[in-house]
N, C-alpha and C. Protein backbone atom coordinates (compact mmCIF):
# COMPACT_ATOMS: atom_id res chain seq x y z
N MET A 1 -43.43 5.98 53.98
CA MET A 1 -43.71 4.73 53.24
C MET A 1 -42.97 4.72 51.90
N PHE A 2 -42.52 3.56 51.50
CA PHE A 2 -41.80 3.45 50.23
C PHE A 2 -42.73 3.76 49.05
N GLU A 3 -42.26 4.61 48.15
CA GLU A 3 -43.04 4.93 46.95
C GLU A 3 -42.99 3.73 46.00
N ASP A 4 -44.13 3.20 45.62
CA ASP A 4 -44.09 2.08 44.67
C ASP A 4 -44.80 2.45 43.37
N THR A 5 -44.84 3.75 43.08
CA THR A 5 -45.37 4.20 41.79
C THR A 5 -44.36 5.12 41.13
N TYR A 6 -44.46 5.21 39.82
CA TYR A 6 -43.61 6.16 39.09
C TYR A 6 -44.35 6.59 37.83
N LYS A 7 -43.95 7.74 37.27
CA LYS A 7 -44.65 8.28 36.11
C LYS A 7 -43.80 8.14 34.86
N VAL A 8 -44.44 7.78 33.76
CA VAL A 8 -43.74 7.62 32.48
C VAL A 8 -44.54 8.28 31.36
N LEU A 9 -43.86 8.53 30.26
CA LEU A 9 -44.51 9.09 29.07
C LEU A 9 -45.09 7.96 28.22
N VAL A 10 -46.31 8.13 27.75
CA VAL A 10 -46.86 7.17 26.80
C VAL A 10 -47.06 7.82 25.43
N GLU A 11 -47.02 9.15 25.40
CA GLU A 11 -47.06 9.86 24.11
C GLU A 11 -46.08 11.02 24.17
N GLU A 12 -45.38 11.24 23.07
CA GLU A 12 -44.36 12.31 23.01
C GLU A 12 -45.01 13.69 23.06
N GLY A 13 -44.20 14.67 23.44
CA GLY A 13 -44.69 16.04 23.48
C GLY A 13 -43.71 16.99 22.81
N ASP A 14 -44.24 18.09 22.26
CA ASP A 14 -43.40 19.08 21.58
C ASP A 14 -43.48 20.42 22.27
N GLY A 15 -42.40 21.18 22.18
CA GLY A 15 -42.39 22.54 22.73
C GLY A 15 -41.65 23.47 21.77
N LEU A 16 -41.99 24.75 21.81
CA LEU A 16 -41.32 25.73 20.96
C LEU A 16 -41.22 27.06 21.71
N TYR A 17 -40.03 27.66 21.66
CA TYR A 17 -39.83 28.96 22.32
C TYR A 17 -38.98 29.82 21.40
N LYS A 18 -39.40 31.08 21.24
CA LYS A 18 -38.63 32.00 20.39
C LYS A 18 -38.27 33.26 21.16
N GLU A 19 -37.05 33.70 20.99
CA GLU A 19 -36.63 34.97 21.59
C GLU A 19 -35.47 35.57 20.81
N LYS A 20 -35.60 36.86 20.48
CA LYS A 20 -34.56 37.62 19.76
C LYS A 20 -34.00 36.86 18.56
N GLY A 21 -34.91 36.26 17.81
CA GLY A 21 -34.50 35.55 16.60
C GLY A 21 -34.06 34.12 16.82
N SER A 22 -33.72 33.75 18.06
CA SER A 22 -33.36 32.37 18.35
C SER A 22 -34.62 31.52 18.48
N LYS A 23 -34.52 30.30 18.00
CA LYS A 23 -35.67 29.39 18.05
C LYS A 23 -35.25 28.12 18.80
N PHE A 24 -36.05 27.72 19.78
CA PHE A 24 -35.76 26.53 20.59
C PHE A 24 -36.87 25.50 20.37
N ILE A 25 -36.51 24.39 19.73
CA ILE A 25 -37.49 23.34 19.42
C ILE A 25 -37.25 22.18 20.38
N ALA A 26 -38.28 21.83 21.16
CA ALA A 26 -38.13 20.79 22.19
C ALA A 26 -38.98 19.56 21.87
N LYS A 27 -38.47 18.42 22.28
CA LYS A 27 -39.21 17.16 22.12
C LYS A 27 -38.99 16.32 23.36
N ALA A 28 -40.08 15.84 23.97
CA ALA A 28 -40.02 14.93 25.12
C ALA A 28 -40.47 13.55 24.66
N PHE A 29 -39.71 12.52 24.99
CA PHE A 29 -40.05 11.16 24.53
C PHE A 29 -39.54 10.12 25.53
N ALA A 30 -40.11 8.92 25.44
CA ALA A 30 -39.75 7.84 26.36
C ALA A 30 -38.43 7.17 25.95
N VAL A 31 -37.62 6.82 26.94
CA VAL A 31 -36.40 6.04 26.72
C VAL A 31 -36.28 5.00 27.83
N HIS A 32 -35.55 3.91 27.54
CA HIS A 32 -35.40 2.87 28.56
C HIS A 32 -33.94 2.52 28.84
N SER A 33 -33.03 3.15 28.10
CA SER A 33 -31.61 2.89 28.31
C SER A 33 -30.81 4.07 27.76
N GLU A 34 -29.54 4.13 28.16
CA GLU A 34 -28.68 5.20 27.63
C GLU A 34 -28.46 5.01 26.13
N GLU A 35 -28.57 3.78 25.68
CA GLU A 35 -28.45 3.47 24.24
C GLU A 35 -29.60 4.13 23.48
N ASP A 36 -30.82 4.04 24.05
CA ASP A 36 -31.99 4.72 23.46
C ASP A 36 -31.72 6.21 23.30
N VAL A 37 -31.16 6.81 24.36
CA VAL A 37 -30.89 8.25 24.35
C VAL A 37 -29.92 8.60 23.22
N LYS A 38 -28.82 7.83 23.15
CA LYS A 38 -27.80 8.08 22.10
C LYS A 38 -28.42 8.01 20.71
N THR A 39 -29.23 6.99 20.49
CA THR A 39 -29.87 6.80 19.19
C THR A 39 -30.76 7.98 18.83
N ARG A 40 -31.62 8.38 19.77
CA ARG A 40 -32.57 9.46 19.48
C ARG A 40 -31.87 10.80 19.32
N VAL A 41 -30.87 11.08 20.16
CA VAL A 41 -30.14 12.35 20.05
C VAL A 41 -29.44 12.42 18.68
N ALA A 42 -28.88 11.29 18.26
CA ALA A 42 -28.23 11.23 16.93
C ALA A 42 -29.24 11.53 15.82
N GLU A 43 -30.48 11.03 15.99
CA GLU A 43 -31.54 11.30 15.00
C GLU A 43 -31.86 12.79 14.93
N PHE A 44 -31.91 13.44 16.10
CA PHE A 44 -32.19 14.88 16.14
C PHE A 44 -31.07 15.66 15.48
N LYS A 45 -29.84 15.25 15.71
CA LYS A 45 -28.69 15.95 15.11
C LYS A 45 -28.73 15.84 13.59
N LYS A 46 -29.24 14.70 13.12
CA LYS A 46 -29.37 14.49 11.68
C LYS A 46 -30.53 15.33 11.12
N GLN A 47 -31.66 15.26 11.85
CA GLN A 47 -32.87 15.98 11.40
C GLN A 47 -32.65 17.50 11.41
N TYR A 48 -32.03 18.00 12.48
CA TYR A 48 -31.78 19.44 12.62
C TYR A 48 -30.27 19.70 12.47
N PHE A 49 -29.72 19.21 11.36
CA PHE A 49 -28.26 19.27 11.16
C PHE A 49 -27.73 20.70 11.11
N ASP A 50 -28.61 21.66 10.74
CA ASP A 50 -28.15 23.04 10.60
C ASP A 50 -28.36 23.86 11.88
N ALA A 51 -28.82 23.19 12.97
CA ALA A 51 -29.01 23.91 14.23
C ALA A 51 -27.67 24.08 14.94
N ARG A 52 -27.58 25.12 15.78
CA ARG A 52 -26.32 25.44 16.47
C ARG A 52 -26.07 24.47 17.64
N HIS A 53 -27.11 24.14 18.38
CA HIS A 53 -26.94 23.29 19.58
C HIS A 53 -28.05 22.24 19.64
N HIS A 54 -27.69 21.07 20.19
CA HIS A 54 -28.66 19.99 20.44
C HIS A 54 -28.49 19.58 21.91
N CYS A 55 -29.18 20.27 22.79
CA CYS A 55 -29.01 20.03 24.23
C CYS A 55 -30.08 19.07 24.74
N TYR A 56 -29.75 18.32 25.79
CA TYR A 56 -30.73 17.34 26.27
C TYR A 56 -30.47 16.96 27.72
N ALA A 57 -31.46 16.29 28.30
CA ALA A 57 -31.32 15.69 29.63
C ALA A 57 -32.22 14.46 29.66
N PHE A 58 -31.84 13.49 30.48
CA PHE A 58 -32.68 12.29 30.60
C PHE A 58 -32.63 11.74 32.02
N ILE A 59 -33.68 11.01 32.39
CA ILE A 59 -33.73 10.26 33.65
C ILE A 59 -34.29 8.88 33.31
N ILE A 60 -33.64 7.84 33.85
CA ILE A 60 -34.06 6.45 33.58
C ILE A 60 -34.17 5.69 34.91
N ASN A 61 -35.04 4.67 34.92
CA ASN A 61 -35.30 3.74 36.04
C ASN A 61 -36.38 4.29 36.98
N PRO A 62 -37.18 3.38 37.54
CA PRO A 62 -38.24 3.81 38.47
C PRO A 62 -37.70 4.61 39.66
N ASP A 63 -36.48 4.30 40.11
CA ASP A 63 -35.91 5.05 41.24
C ASP A 63 -35.10 6.26 40.78
N LYS A 64 -35.16 6.55 39.46
CA LYS A 64 -34.50 7.73 38.86
C LYS A 64 -32.98 7.73 39.11
N SER A 65 -32.39 6.53 39.16
CA SER A 65 -30.97 6.41 39.54
C SER A 65 -30.01 6.75 38.40
N CYS A 66 -30.50 6.78 37.17
CA CYS A 66 -29.63 7.07 36.03
C CYS A 66 -30.09 8.37 35.37
N TYR A 67 -29.24 9.39 35.39
CA TYR A 67 -29.63 10.68 34.78
C TYR A 67 -28.39 11.41 34.29
N ARG A 68 -28.59 12.26 33.31
CA ARG A 68 -27.48 13.05 32.77
C ARG A 68 -28.05 14.22 31.97
N SER A 69 -27.21 15.25 31.78
CA SER A 69 -27.63 16.36 30.94
C SER A 69 -26.45 16.85 30.12
N SER A 70 -26.74 17.47 28.98
CA SER A 70 -25.69 17.97 28.09
C SER A 70 -26.00 19.39 27.64
N ASP A 71 -25.01 20.28 27.77
CA ASP A 71 -25.16 21.66 27.31
C ASP A 71 -24.80 21.81 25.83
N ASP A 72 -24.14 20.80 25.26
CA ASP A 72 -23.75 20.78 23.84
C ASP A 72 -23.22 22.14 23.35
N GLY A 73 -22.23 22.66 24.06
CA GLY A 73 -21.59 23.88 23.59
C GLY A 73 -22.15 25.18 24.13
N GLU A 74 -23.32 25.12 24.78
CA GLU A 74 -23.85 26.32 25.43
C GLU A 74 -23.04 26.55 26.72
N PRO A 75 -23.05 27.77 27.27
CA PRO A 75 -22.34 28.01 28.52
C PRO A 75 -22.79 27.01 29.60
N SER A 76 -21.83 26.53 30.39
CA SER A 76 -22.09 25.48 31.38
C SER A 76 -23.29 25.80 32.28
N GLY A 77 -24.21 24.84 32.38
CA GLY A 77 -25.36 24.98 33.27
C GLY A 77 -26.53 25.77 32.71
N THR A 78 -26.43 26.24 31.45
CA THR A 78 -27.52 27.07 30.91
C THR A 78 -28.56 26.28 30.12
N ALA A 79 -28.25 25.02 29.78
CA ALA A 79 -29.15 24.26 28.90
C ALA A 79 -29.55 22.92 29.52
N GLY A 80 -28.57 22.02 29.67
CA GLY A 80 -28.88 20.68 30.16
C GLY A 80 -29.53 20.67 31.53
N LYS A 81 -29.00 21.50 32.45
CA LYS A 81 -29.52 21.51 33.81
C LYS A 81 -30.95 22.04 33.88
N PRO A 82 -31.26 23.17 33.20
CA PRO A 82 -32.66 23.62 33.21
C PRO A 82 -33.62 22.57 32.62
N ILE A 83 -33.16 21.84 31.60
CA ILE A 83 -34.01 20.78 31.02
C ILE A 83 -34.22 19.68 32.06
N LEU A 84 -33.12 19.25 32.70
CA LEU A 84 -33.20 18.20 33.72
C LEU A 84 -34.13 18.61 34.87
N ASN A 85 -34.04 19.87 35.28
CA ASN A 85 -34.89 20.35 36.37
C ASN A 85 -36.37 20.29 36.02
N GLN A 86 -36.70 20.50 34.75
CA GLN A 86 -38.11 20.39 34.32
C GLN A 86 -38.60 18.94 34.40
N ILE A 87 -37.71 18.01 34.03
CA ILE A 87 -38.08 16.58 34.14
C ILE A 87 -38.31 16.24 35.61
N LEU A 88 -37.41 16.73 36.47
CA LEU A 88 -37.54 16.45 37.91
C LEU A 88 -38.82 17.06 38.48
N SER A 89 -39.16 18.28 38.04
CA SER A 89 -40.35 18.92 38.59
C SER A 89 -41.64 18.23 38.11
N LYS A 90 -41.55 17.54 36.98
CA LYS A 90 -42.71 16.75 36.49
C LYS A 90 -42.76 15.39 37.18
N ASP A 91 -41.69 15.04 37.90
CA ASP A 91 -41.60 13.77 38.62
C ASP A 91 -41.81 12.57 37.70
N VAL A 92 -41.18 12.64 36.52
CA VAL A 92 -41.36 11.59 35.51
C VAL A 92 -40.02 10.90 35.27
N THR A 93 -40.05 9.64 34.86
CA THR A 93 -38.80 8.92 34.59
C THR A 93 -38.90 8.17 33.26
N ASN A 94 -37.80 7.51 32.89
CA ASN A 94 -37.70 6.86 31.57
C ASN A 94 -38.05 7.86 30.46
N VAL A 95 -37.45 9.04 30.58
CA VAL A 95 -37.78 10.12 29.66
C VAL A 95 -36.52 10.89 29.26
N CYS A 96 -36.55 11.41 28.05
CA CYS A 96 -35.48 12.29 27.58
C CYS A 96 -36.14 13.50 26.93
N VAL A 97 -35.56 14.67 27.16
CA VAL A 97 -36.02 15.88 26.49
C VAL A 97 -34.83 16.47 25.73
N VAL A 98 -35.01 16.66 24.43
CA VAL A 98 -33.99 17.29 23.59
C VAL A 98 -34.49 18.68 23.20
N VAL A 99 -33.62 19.67 23.31
CA VAL A 99 -33.96 21.02 22.84
C VAL A 99 -32.92 21.44 21.81
N VAL A 100 -33.41 21.72 20.60
CA VAL A 100 -32.56 22.11 19.48
C VAL A 100 -32.63 23.63 19.35
N ARG A 101 -31.46 24.29 19.24
CA ARG A 101 -31.47 25.75 19.15
C ARG A 101 -30.94 26.24 17.80
N TYR A 102 -31.75 27.08 17.19
CA TYR A 102 -31.30 27.84 16.02
C TYR A 102 -30.94 29.24 16.51
N PHE A 103 -29.69 29.63 16.34
CA PHE A 103 -29.21 30.91 16.86
C PHE A 103 -29.67 32.05 15.96
N GLY A 104 -30.21 33.10 16.58
CA GLY A 104 -30.76 34.21 15.81
C GLY A 104 -29.82 35.39 15.63
N GLY A 105 -28.58 35.24 16.11
CA GLY A 105 -27.62 36.33 15.90
C GLY A 105 -27.47 37.27 17.09
N ILE A 106 -28.45 37.24 18.01
CA ILE A 106 -28.36 38.09 19.20
C ILE A 106 -28.19 37.19 20.43
N LYS A 107 -27.15 37.44 21.23
CA LYS A 107 -26.92 36.63 22.43
C LYS A 107 -28.01 36.90 23.46
N LEU A 108 -28.43 35.84 24.14
CA LEU A 108 -29.50 35.98 25.13
C LEU A 108 -28.96 36.17 26.54
N GLY A 109 -27.67 35.89 26.74
CA GLY A 109 -27.11 35.97 28.09
C GLY A 109 -27.51 34.75 28.90
N VAL A 110 -26.84 34.55 30.02
CA VAL A 110 -27.09 33.34 30.83
C VAL A 110 -28.54 33.24 31.30
N PRO A 111 -29.13 34.29 31.93
CA PRO A 111 -30.53 34.16 32.38
C PRO A 111 -31.48 33.88 31.21
N GLY A 112 -31.21 34.52 30.08
CA GLY A 112 -32.07 34.33 28.90
C GLY A 112 -32.01 32.91 28.37
N LEU A 113 -30.80 32.34 28.36
CA LEU A 113 -30.64 30.95 27.90
C LEU A 113 -31.35 29.98 28.84
N ILE A 114 -31.11 30.16 30.14
CA ILE A 114 -31.74 29.27 31.12
C ILE A 114 -33.26 29.30 30.96
N ASN A 115 -33.81 30.49 30.82
CA ASN A 115 -35.26 30.63 30.66
C ASN A 115 -35.76 29.96 29.37
N ALA A 116 -35.00 30.12 28.28
CA ALA A 116 -35.42 29.56 26.99
C ALA A 116 -35.43 28.03 27.04
N TYR A 117 -34.37 27.44 27.57
CA TYR A 117 -34.31 25.97 27.64
C TYR A 117 -35.33 25.42 28.62
N LYS A 118 -35.51 26.12 29.73
CA LYS A 118 -36.48 25.70 30.74
C LYS A 118 -37.90 25.74 30.16
N THR A 119 -38.24 26.84 29.52
CA THR A 119 -39.60 27.05 29.02
C THR A 119 -39.95 26.06 27.91
N SER A 120 -39.02 25.88 26.97
CA SER A 120 -39.31 24.95 25.86
C SER A 120 -39.41 23.52 26.35
N ALA A 121 -38.53 23.14 27.32
CA ALA A 121 -38.59 21.77 27.87
C ALA A 121 -39.90 21.56 28.63
N ARG A 122 -40.32 22.56 29.40
CA ARG A 122 -41.56 22.43 30.17
C ARG A 122 -42.75 22.27 29.24
N GLU A 123 -42.76 23.03 28.15
CA GLU A 123 -43.87 22.95 27.20
C GLU A 123 -43.94 21.55 26.56
N ALA A 124 -42.78 20.99 26.22
CA ALA A 124 -42.75 19.65 25.62
C ALA A 124 -43.31 18.62 26.61
N LEU A 125 -42.93 18.74 27.88
CA LEU A 125 -43.42 17.80 28.90
C LEU A 125 -44.91 18.01 29.17
N ASP A 126 -45.35 19.27 29.17
CA ASP A 126 -46.78 19.56 29.37
C ASP A 126 -47.63 18.97 28.24
N ASN A 127 -47.06 18.93 27.04
CA ASN A 127 -47.82 18.42 25.88
C ASN A 127 -47.71 16.90 25.71
N ALA A 128 -46.86 16.27 26.51
CA ALA A 128 -46.74 14.81 26.45
C ALA A 128 -47.85 14.18 27.29
N VAL A 129 -48.14 12.90 27.04
CA VAL A 129 -49.12 12.18 27.86
C VAL A 129 -48.36 11.35 28.88
N ILE A 130 -48.64 11.61 30.16
CA ILE A 130 -47.92 10.96 31.25
C ILE A 130 -48.89 10.10 32.05
N ILE A 131 -48.48 8.87 32.37
CA ILE A 131 -49.32 8.00 33.20
C ILE A 131 -48.51 7.50 34.41
N GLU A 132 -49.22 7.05 35.41
CA GLU A 132 -48.56 6.51 36.60
C GLU A 132 -48.55 4.98 36.53
N LYS A 133 -47.40 4.40 36.84
CA LYS A 133 -47.29 2.94 36.85
C LYS A 133 -46.86 2.48 38.25
N THR A 134 -47.15 1.22 38.55
CA THR A 134 -46.71 0.69 39.85
C THR A 134 -45.42 -0.12 39.65
N ILE A 135 -44.60 -0.15 40.70
CA ILE A 135 -43.42 -1.01 40.69
C ILE A 135 -43.90 -2.39 41.13
N ASP A 136 -43.69 -3.39 40.29
CA ASP A 136 -44.16 -4.74 40.56
C ASP A 136 -42.99 -5.71 40.73
N GLU A 137 -43.20 -6.72 41.56
CA GLU A 137 -42.22 -7.79 41.72
C GLU A 137 -42.78 -9.06 41.09
N VAL A 138 -41.92 -9.78 40.37
CA VAL A 138 -42.35 -11.01 39.70
C VAL A 138 -41.80 -12.21 40.46
N TYR A 139 -42.69 -13.17 40.72
CA TYR A 139 -42.30 -14.39 41.44
C TYR A 139 -42.69 -15.62 40.64
N SER A 140 -41.90 -16.68 40.81
CA SER A 140 -42.33 -17.98 40.27
C SER A 140 -42.99 -18.76 41.40
N VAL A 141 -44.00 -19.53 41.05
CA VAL A 141 -44.71 -20.36 42.03
C VAL A 141 -44.67 -21.80 41.52
N ILE A 142 -44.09 -22.70 42.33
CA ILE A 142 -43.93 -24.11 41.92
C ILE A 142 -44.67 -24.98 42.93
N PHE A 143 -45.46 -25.93 42.41
CA PHE A 143 -46.25 -26.78 43.32
C PHE A 143 -46.70 -28.03 42.57
N ASP A 144 -47.15 -29.04 43.34
CA ASP A 144 -47.68 -30.26 42.73
C ASP A 144 -49.13 -30.04 42.33
N TYR A 145 -49.55 -30.76 41.29
CA TYR A 145 -50.87 -30.54 40.68
C TYR A 145 -52.03 -30.54 41.68
N PRO A 146 -52.03 -31.45 42.70
CA PRO A 146 -53.17 -31.45 43.63
C PRO A 146 -53.39 -30.12 44.37
N LEU A 147 -52.36 -29.27 44.40
CA LEU A 147 -52.49 -27.97 45.10
C LEU A 147 -53.03 -26.86 44.20
N LEU A 148 -53.31 -27.20 42.93
CA LEU A 148 -53.69 -26.19 41.95
C LEU A 148 -54.85 -25.31 42.42
N ASN A 149 -55.93 -25.94 42.94
CA ASN A 149 -57.11 -25.16 43.33
C ASN A 149 -56.80 -24.18 44.45
N GLU A 150 -55.97 -24.63 45.41
CA GLU A 150 -55.64 -23.74 46.53
C GLU A 150 -54.80 -22.54 46.06
N VAL A 151 -53.84 -22.81 45.16
CA VAL A 151 -53.01 -21.73 44.63
C VAL A 151 -53.90 -20.75 43.85
N MET A 152 -54.78 -21.28 43.03
CA MET A 152 -55.67 -20.44 42.22
C MET A 152 -56.59 -19.59 43.10
N ARG A 153 -56.99 -20.14 44.24
CA ARG A 153 -57.87 -19.39 45.15
C ARG A 153 -57.14 -18.14 45.68
N VAL A 154 -55.86 -18.33 46.03
CA VAL A 154 -55.07 -17.18 46.52
C VAL A 154 -54.95 -16.12 45.42
N LEU A 155 -54.68 -16.57 44.17
CA LEU A 155 -54.54 -15.62 43.07
C LEU A 155 -55.85 -14.87 42.85
N LYS A 156 -56.97 -15.59 42.97
CA LYS A 156 -58.28 -14.96 42.76
C LYS A 156 -58.56 -13.95 43.88
N ASP A 157 -58.28 -14.36 45.12
CA ASP A 157 -58.49 -13.46 46.27
C ASP A 157 -57.68 -12.17 46.13
N GLU A 158 -56.46 -12.32 45.61
CA GLU A 158 -55.56 -11.17 45.50
C GLU A 158 -55.68 -10.46 44.15
N ASN A 159 -56.59 -10.99 43.30
CA ASN A 159 -56.82 -10.38 41.99
C ASN A 159 -55.54 -10.36 41.13
N LEU A 160 -54.86 -11.49 41.10
CA LEU A 160 -53.60 -11.59 40.35
C LEU A 160 -53.76 -12.46 39.11
N GLU A 161 -53.12 -12.05 38.03
CA GLU A 161 -53.12 -12.84 36.80
C GLU A 161 -51.94 -13.82 36.84
N GLN A 162 -52.16 -15.01 36.31
CA GLN A 162 -51.02 -15.94 36.20
C GLN A 162 -50.32 -15.71 34.87
N GLN A 163 -49.01 -15.91 34.84
CA GLN A 163 -48.22 -15.75 33.62
C GLN A 163 -47.40 -17.01 33.40
N ASN A 164 -47.17 -17.33 32.13
CA ASN A 164 -46.34 -18.49 31.74
C ASN A 164 -46.68 -19.78 32.49
N PRO A 165 -47.97 -20.14 32.56
CA PRO A 165 -48.31 -21.34 33.33
C PRO A 165 -47.90 -22.64 32.61
N LYS A 166 -47.45 -23.61 33.40
CA LYS A 166 -47.20 -24.97 32.89
C LYS A 166 -47.85 -25.91 33.90
N PHE A 167 -49.02 -26.45 33.53
CA PHE A 167 -49.74 -27.32 34.44
C PHE A 167 -49.51 -28.78 34.07
N GLU A 168 -48.59 -29.40 34.77
CA GLU A 168 -48.34 -30.83 34.59
C GLU A 168 -48.40 -31.43 35.99
N LEU A 169 -47.76 -32.60 36.18
CA LEU A 169 -47.73 -33.17 37.53
C LEU A 169 -47.07 -32.19 38.49
N ASN A 170 -45.99 -31.57 38.00
CA ASN A 170 -45.34 -30.51 38.76
C ASN A 170 -45.69 -29.21 38.06
N CYS A 171 -46.38 -28.31 38.75
CA CYS A 171 -46.90 -27.10 38.09
C CYS A 171 -45.98 -25.89 38.34
N TYR A 172 -46.03 -24.98 37.36
CA TYR A 172 -45.21 -23.76 37.44
C TYR A 172 -46.03 -22.60 36.89
N LEU A 173 -45.96 -21.47 37.56
CA LEU A 173 -46.51 -20.25 36.99
C LEU A 173 -45.78 -19.06 37.59
N GLU A 174 -46.00 -17.90 36.98
CA GLU A 174 -45.39 -16.68 37.48
C GLU A 174 -46.49 -15.68 37.81
N ILE A 175 -46.23 -14.86 38.82
CA ILE A 175 -47.18 -13.80 39.18
C ILE A 175 -46.43 -12.48 39.29
N SER A 176 -47.13 -11.42 38.96
CA SER A 176 -46.59 -10.07 39.08
C SER A 176 -47.41 -9.35 40.15
N VAL A 177 -46.73 -8.95 41.23
CA VAL A 177 -47.42 -8.38 42.39
C VAL A 177 -46.92 -6.97 42.65
N ARG A 178 -47.82 -6.05 42.93
CA ARG A 178 -47.40 -4.69 43.30
C ARG A 178 -46.49 -4.77 44.52
N LYS A 179 -45.41 -4.00 44.49
CA LYS A 179 -44.35 -4.10 45.51
C LYS A 179 -44.89 -4.06 46.94
N LYS A 180 -45.81 -3.14 47.20
CA LYS A 180 -46.29 -2.99 48.58
C LYS A 180 -47.14 -4.19 49.04
N ASP A 181 -47.66 -4.97 48.08
CA ASP A 181 -48.47 -6.14 48.43
C ASP A 181 -47.67 -7.44 48.42
N ALA A 182 -46.41 -7.37 47.95
CA ALA A 182 -45.64 -8.59 47.69
C ALA A 182 -45.45 -9.46 48.93
N ASP A 183 -45.05 -8.86 50.05
CA ASP A 183 -44.79 -9.66 51.26
C ASP A 183 -46.02 -10.44 51.68
N ARG A 184 -47.18 -9.77 51.65
CA ARG A 184 -48.42 -10.43 52.07
C ARG A 184 -48.76 -11.61 51.17
N VAL A 185 -48.65 -11.40 49.85
CA VAL A 185 -49.00 -12.46 48.89
C VAL A 185 -48.03 -13.65 49.01
N VAL A 186 -46.74 -13.35 49.13
CA VAL A 186 -45.74 -14.42 49.24
C VAL A 186 -45.98 -15.24 50.51
N GLU A 187 -46.31 -14.54 51.59
CA GLU A 187 -46.57 -15.24 52.86
C GLU A 187 -47.81 -16.14 52.74
N LYS A 188 -48.84 -15.62 52.07
CA LYS A 188 -50.08 -16.38 51.88
C LYS A 188 -49.82 -17.68 51.11
N LEU A 189 -49.05 -17.54 50.00
CA LEU A 189 -48.73 -18.73 49.20
C LEU A 189 -47.80 -19.67 49.96
N GLY A 190 -46.89 -19.09 50.73
CA GLY A 190 -45.94 -19.89 51.50
C GLY A 190 -46.60 -20.72 52.59
N ARG A 191 -47.79 -20.26 53.01
CA ARG A 191 -48.52 -21.02 54.05
C ARG A 191 -49.12 -22.30 53.50
N LEU A 192 -49.21 -22.39 52.18
CA LEU A 192 -49.73 -23.62 51.55
C LEU A 192 -48.59 -24.64 51.54
N TYR A 193 -48.76 -25.73 52.25
CA TYR A 193 -47.68 -26.72 52.37
C TYR A 193 -47.32 -27.30 51.00
N GLY A 194 -46.04 -27.23 50.65
CA GLY A 194 -45.60 -27.81 49.37
C GLY A 194 -45.52 -26.81 48.23
N VAL A 195 -45.82 -25.53 48.52
CA VAL A 195 -45.71 -24.49 47.48
C VAL A 195 -44.38 -23.75 47.66
N GLU A 196 -43.65 -23.62 46.55
CA GLU A 196 -42.35 -22.92 46.59
C GLU A 196 -42.48 -21.61 45.81
N VAL A 197 -42.13 -20.50 46.46
CA VAL A 197 -42.23 -19.18 45.82
C VAL A 197 -40.82 -18.58 45.72
N ASN A 198 -40.44 -18.15 44.52
CA ASN A 198 -39.11 -17.56 44.31
C ASN A 198 -39.22 -16.20 43.64
N TYR A 199 -38.46 -15.23 44.17
CA TYR A 199 -38.40 -13.89 43.56
C TYR A 199 -37.62 -13.96 42.25
N LEU A 200 -38.14 -13.36 41.18
CA LEU A 200 -37.47 -13.36 39.89
C LEU A 200 -36.89 -12.00 39.54
N LYS A 201 -37.73 -10.94 39.60
CA LYS A 201 -37.25 -9.62 39.19
C LYS A 201 -38.25 -8.54 39.62
N THR A 202 -37.78 -7.31 39.55
CA THR A 202 -38.64 -6.14 39.78
C THR A 202 -38.82 -5.42 38.45
N VAL A 203 -40.08 -5.08 38.15
CA VAL A 203 -40.35 -4.41 36.87
C VAL A 203 -41.09 -3.10 37.11
C-alpha cells in the first residue's frame, strides 16, 4: 500500500560527542527547501567560525526525493554520509543535521570519524521532537447554491473542513483530503449532479 504519512521535526534537537580532544556539536532542525539549508549552514559557519569543519546532511519532501550531504573537508564519506544515514534510520524528512567539529590535535582515523559524526547526529535527532503527518490532496469544489446542503453533508460525513469558502449564487470552496481517502471523497462529490471537483495540489 502507498505510504501516505511522513515524519517531520517540530522542535530542534542538540547532540554532543567528544573524543581525543575533538568536540562534535550537532543540531537537527526543520527545513523546507535547499535555500533554507544554505541559510542555516551559513549561520552555523558564522556562529562556530573557529571550528575546523561544518558537515551536514539533509532530506526534503514527503517522498524524500531531495537529499544531499557534505563532508566539508573531512575524508570522503566520513561525515556527511553517516549523518545522512542517521536521518534515514529515523525515517524523517524536511530535516537538516549540521555537525560542527573542533579538532583536538589527535587524528581519529576513518572509523573514529564515522562513529563521531554518526553518534552526534543520532543524539541530535533523538533530542528533537518528531511528529507524523499525513500527505493530503487539496481540491476545489464548485457548485450552484441550491446544492450547498448536499455538499456540506458529504463534508460532514467525511469529517472534512472547508477552506476559502465563497458562498454566492455560484459557490466555491476547497477541501484537504488525506491521500488514501481522496478517490472515495472525489467520487462521492462527483455523484452530486452539477458539482465540479478539481485537483489543486498535494501538501
